Amino acid sequence: MNEKARLVFTGHLYPEAFVEFARHRARRLDIVLDIASADGEAVNVTVEGPVDLLDAFEMACSLGPYDCLVLDVVRTAA
């Protein structure tokens, strides 16, 4: 069953690196990704796909690219 969720990653981020990382993970997991906004403090995305794959995406992006430090993630229904 598919779910659509909004994820807001906050921390010390390099937006270009984080967005590239998120797009790559979304392609690998075959989920839909829409980047709503991205700056040095927060990246706001909407994802859609099977719940388990959204969980995997959230975990992967929480660890993020090596040059970004994610301090918090808030997930809400979209």
N, C-alpha and C. Protein backbone atom coordinates (compact mmCIF):
# COMPACT_ATOMS: atom_id res chain seq x y z
N MET A 1 0.83 -1.18 0.00
CA MET A 1 0.00 0.00 0.00
C MET A 1 0.88 1.25 0.00
N ASN A 2 0.54 2.21 -0.86
CA ASN A 2 1.34 3.43 -0.96
C ASN A 2 0.89 4.48 0.05
N GLU A 3 1.85 5.31 0.41
CA GLU A 3 1.62 6.41 1.32
C GLU A 3 2.28 7.64 0.73
N LYS A 4 1.75 8.80 1.07
CA LYS A 4 2.38 10.06 0.68
C LYS A 4 2.71 10.80 1.97
N ALA A 5 3.97 11.21 2.11
CA ALA A 5 4.41 11.84 3.35
C ALA A 5 5.26 13.08 3.06
N ARG A 6 5.22 14.00 3.99
CA ARG A 6 6.08 15.17 3.94
C ARG A 6 7.17 14.97 4.98
N LEU A 7 8.41 15.17 4.57
CA LEU A 7 9.56 15.04 5.46
C LEU A 7 10.31 16.36 5.48
N VAL A 8 10.62 16.82 6.68
CA VAL A 8 11.43 18.02 6.83
C VAL A 8 12.69 17.62 7.60
N PHE A 9 13.82 17.68 6.91
CA PHE A 9 15.12 17.38 7.51
C PHE A 9 15.76 18.70 7.93
N THR A 10 16.17 18.80 9.17
CA THR A 10 16.82 20.02 9.63
C THR A 10 18.20 19.70 10.19
N GLY A 11 19.07 20.69 10.15
CA GLY A 11 20.42 20.52 10.66
C GLY A 11 21.36 21.48 9.98
N HIS A 12 22.59 21.03 9.78
CA HIS A 12 23.62 21.81 9.10
C HIS A 12 23.80 21.16 7.73
N LEU A 13 23.14 21.74 6.72
CA LEU A 13 23.02 21.08 5.43
C LEU A 13 23.65 21.91 4.31
N TYR A 14 24.19 21.21 3.33
CA TYR A 14 24.56 21.80 2.05
C TYR A 14 23.44 21.40 1.10
N PRO A 15 22.55 22.34 0.75
CA PRO A 15 21.34 21.98 0.01
C PRO A 15 21.59 21.21 -1.28
N GLU A 16 22.57 21.62 -2.06
CA GLU A 16 22.82 20.92 -3.33
C GLU A 16 23.22 19.47 -3.09
N ALA A 17 24.10 19.25 -2.14
CA ALA A 17 24.55 17.89 -1.83
C ALA A 17 23.41 17.05 -1.28
N PHE A 18 22.62 17.63 -0.38
CA PHE A 18 21.52 16.87 0.22
C PHE A 18 20.47 16.51 -0.81
N VAL A 19 20.11 17.47 -1.66
CA VAL A 19 19.09 17.22 -2.69
C VAL A 19 19.57 16.15 -3.66
N GLU A 20 20.82 16.23 -4.08
CA GLU A 20 21.37 15.20 -4.99
C GLU A 20 21.33 13.83 -4.32
N PHE A 21 21.70 13.76 -3.06
CA PHE A 21 21.67 12.52 -2.29
C PHE A 21 20.24 11.98 -2.21
N ALA A 22 19.29 12.85 -1.89
CA ALA A 22 17.88 12.44 -1.76
C ALA A 22 17.34 11.94 -3.09
N ARG A 23 17.65 12.62 -4.17
CA ARG A 23 17.18 12.17 -5.50
C ARG A 23 17.75 10.80 -5.85
N HIS A 24 19.02 10.60 -5.55
CA HIS A 24 19.65 9.31 -5.84
C HIS A 24 18.98 8.19 -5.04
N ARG A 25 18.73 8.43 -3.76
CA ARG A 25 18.09 7.40 -2.92
C ARG A 25 16.67 7.14 -3.39
N ALA A 26 15.94 8.17 -3.77
CA ALA A 26 14.57 7.98 -4.26
C ALA A 26 14.56 7.15 -5.53
N ARG A 27 15.50 7.40 -6.43
CA ARG A 27 15.59 6.59 -7.66
C ARG A 27 15.89 5.13 -7.34
N ARG A 28 16.82 4.91 -6.43
CA ARG A 28 17.19 3.53 -6.05
C ARG A 28 16.02 2.79 -5.42
N LEU A 29 15.21 3.51 -4.65
CA LEU A 29 14.06 2.90 -3.97
C LEU A 29 12.81 2.91 -4.84
N ASP A 30 12.87 3.57 -5.99
CA ASP A 30 11.75 3.67 -6.92
C ASP A 30 10.53 4.30 -6.24
N ILE A 31 10.76 5.43 -5.56
CA ILE A 31 9.67 6.20 -4.96
C ILE A 31 9.63 7.58 -5.61
N VAL A 32 8.48 8.23 -5.52
CA VAL A 32 8.30 9.57 -6.08
C VAL A 32 8.82 10.59 -5.07
N LEU A 33 9.61 11.53 -5.55
CA LEU A 33 10.20 12.56 -4.69
C LEU A 33 9.92 13.93 -5.28
N ASP A 34 9.45 14.86 -4.46
CA ASP A 34 9.26 16.24 -4.85
C ASP A 34 9.97 17.11 -3.82
N ILE A 35 10.90 17.92 -4.28
CA ILE A 35 11.64 18.82 -3.39
C ILE A 35 10.83 20.12 -3.29
N ALA A 36 10.32 20.43 -2.11
CA ALA A 36 9.54 21.65 -1.93
C ALA A 36 10.45 22.85 -1.67
N SER A 37 11.47 22.67 -0.83
CA SER A 37 12.41 23.75 -0.53
C SER A 37 13.69 23.15 0.05
N ALA A 38 14.77 23.90 -0.10
CA ALA A 38 16.06 23.44 0.43
C ALA A 38 16.94 24.64 0.71
N ASP A 39 17.48 24.68 1.92
CA ASP A 39 18.47 25.70 2.27
C ASP A 39 19.44 25.09 3.28
N GLY A 40 20.30 25.90 3.84
CA GLY A 40 21.33 25.40 4.74
C GLY A 40 20.83 24.87 6.07
N GLU A 41 19.57 25.16 6.40
CA GLU A 41 19.02 24.71 7.67
C GLU A 41 17.95 23.65 7.56
N ALA A 42 17.25 23.58 6.41
CA ALA A 42 16.16 22.61 6.27
C ALA A 42 15.94 22.23 4.81
N VAL A 43 15.57 20.97 4.62
CA VAL A 43 15.15 20.48 3.32
C VAL A 43 13.77 19.87 3.52
N ASN A 44 12.81 20.35 2.72
CA ASN A 44 11.42 19.95 2.83
C ASN A 44 11.06 19.17 1.56
N VAL A 45 10.66 17.91 1.73
CA VAL A 45 10.34 17.06 0.58
C VAL A 45 9.00 16.35 0.80
N THR A 46 8.41 15.94 -0.32
CA THR A 46 7.25 15.07 -0.28
C THR A 46 7.65 13.80 -1.02
N VAL A 47 7.33 12.66 -0.43
CA VAL A 47 7.65 11.37 -1.03
C VAL A 47 6.39 10.52 -1.10
N GLU A 48 6.36 9.64 -2.09
CA GLU A 48 5.21 8.75 -2.24
C GLU A 48 5.69 7.39 -2.69
N GLY A 49 5.17 6.36 -2.03
CA GLY A 49 5.54 4.99 -2.36
C GLY A 49 5.13 4.06 -1.24
N PRO A 50 5.56 2.80 -1.31
CA PRO A 50 5.27 1.84 -0.24
C PRO A 50 5.87 2.31 1.08
N VAL A 51 5.14 2.10 2.15
CA VAL A 51 5.53 2.59 3.47
C VAL A 51 6.94 2.14 3.85
N ASP A 52 7.27 0.89 3.63
CA ASP A 52 8.60 0.38 3.99
C ASP A 52 9.71 1.11 3.24
N LEU A 53 9.44 1.46 1.98
CA LEU A 53 10.46 2.17 1.20
C LEU A 53 10.57 3.63 1.64
N LEU A 54 9.47 4.23 2.08
CA LEU A 54 9.54 5.58 2.63
C LEU A 54 10.33 5.58 3.93
N ASP A 55 10.15 4.53 4.73
CA ASP A 55 10.95 4.38 5.96
C ASP A 55 12.43 4.29 5.62
N ALA A 56 12.76 3.50 4.60
CA ALA A 56 14.16 3.35 4.19
C ALA A 56 14.72 4.67 3.68
N PHE A 57 13.92 5.42 2.93
CA PHE A 57 14.35 6.73 2.44
C PHE A 57 14.62 7.68 3.60
N GLU A 58 13.71 7.70 4.56
CA GLU A 58 13.88 8.57 5.74
C GLU A 58 15.16 8.22 6.49
N MET A 59 15.42 6.95 6.68
CA MET A 59 16.62 6.52 7.39
C MET A 59 17.88 6.90 6.62
N ALA A 60 17.88 6.63 5.32
CA ALA A 60 19.06 6.95 4.50
C ALA A 60 19.36 8.44 4.53
N CYS A 61 18.32 9.26 4.38
CA CYS A 61 18.54 10.70 4.36
C CYS A 61 18.85 11.25 5.74
N SER A 62 18.41 10.57 6.78
CA SER A 62 18.78 10.98 8.14
C SER A 62 20.27 10.87 8.34
N LEU A 63 20.85 9.85 7.74
CA LEU A 63 22.31 9.68 7.79
C LEU A 63 22.97 10.64 6.81
N GLY A 64 22.26 10.93 5.74
CA GLY A 64 22.63 11.95 4.77
C GLY A 64 23.97 11.79 4.12
N PRO A 65 24.29 12.71 3.20
CA PRO A 65 25.63 12.70 2.62
C PRO A 65 26.65 13.07 3.69
N TYR A 66 27.88 12.69 3.48
CA TYR A 66 28.91 12.85 4.51
C TYR A 66 29.14 14.30 4.93
N ASP A 67 28.79 15.26 4.06
CA ASP A 67 29.06 16.66 4.40
C ASP A 67 27.85 17.39 5.00
N CYS A 68 26.80 16.65 5.32
CA CYS A 68 25.60 17.23 5.94
C CYS A 68 25.35 16.56 7.29
N LEU A 69 24.91 17.35 8.24
CA LEU A 69 24.58 16.82 9.56
C LEU A 69 23.09 17.04 9.81
N VAL A 70 22.32 15.96 9.72
CA VAL A 70 20.88 16.03 9.99
C VAL A 70 20.68 15.87 11.49
N LEU A 71 20.03 16.86 12.09
CA LEU A 71 19.79 16.84 13.53
C LEU A 71 18.39 16.36 13.88
N ASP A 72 17.44 16.54 12.94
CA ASP A 72 16.05 16.15 13.22
C ASP A 72 15.31 15.91 11.91
N VAL A 73 14.30 15.05 12.00
CA VAL A 73 13.40 14.78 10.88
C VAL A 73 11.98 14.80 11.42
N VAL A 74 11.12 15.52 10.73
CA VAL A 74 9.69 15.51 11.08
C VAL A 74 8.94 14.94 9.88
N ARG A 75 8.14 13.91 10.15
CA ARG A 75 7.37 13.24 9.09
C ARG A 75 5.89 13.41 9.38
N THR A 76 5.16 13.93 8.38
CA THR A 76 3.73 14.09 8.50
C THR A 76 3.06 13.55 7.24
N ALA A 77 1.78 13.24 7.35
CA ALA A 77 1.04 12.81 6.17
C ALA A 77 0.92 14.00 5.21
N ALA A 78 1.01 13.70 3.94
CA ALA A 78 0.91 14.78 2.93
C ALA A 78 -0.45 14.72 2.26
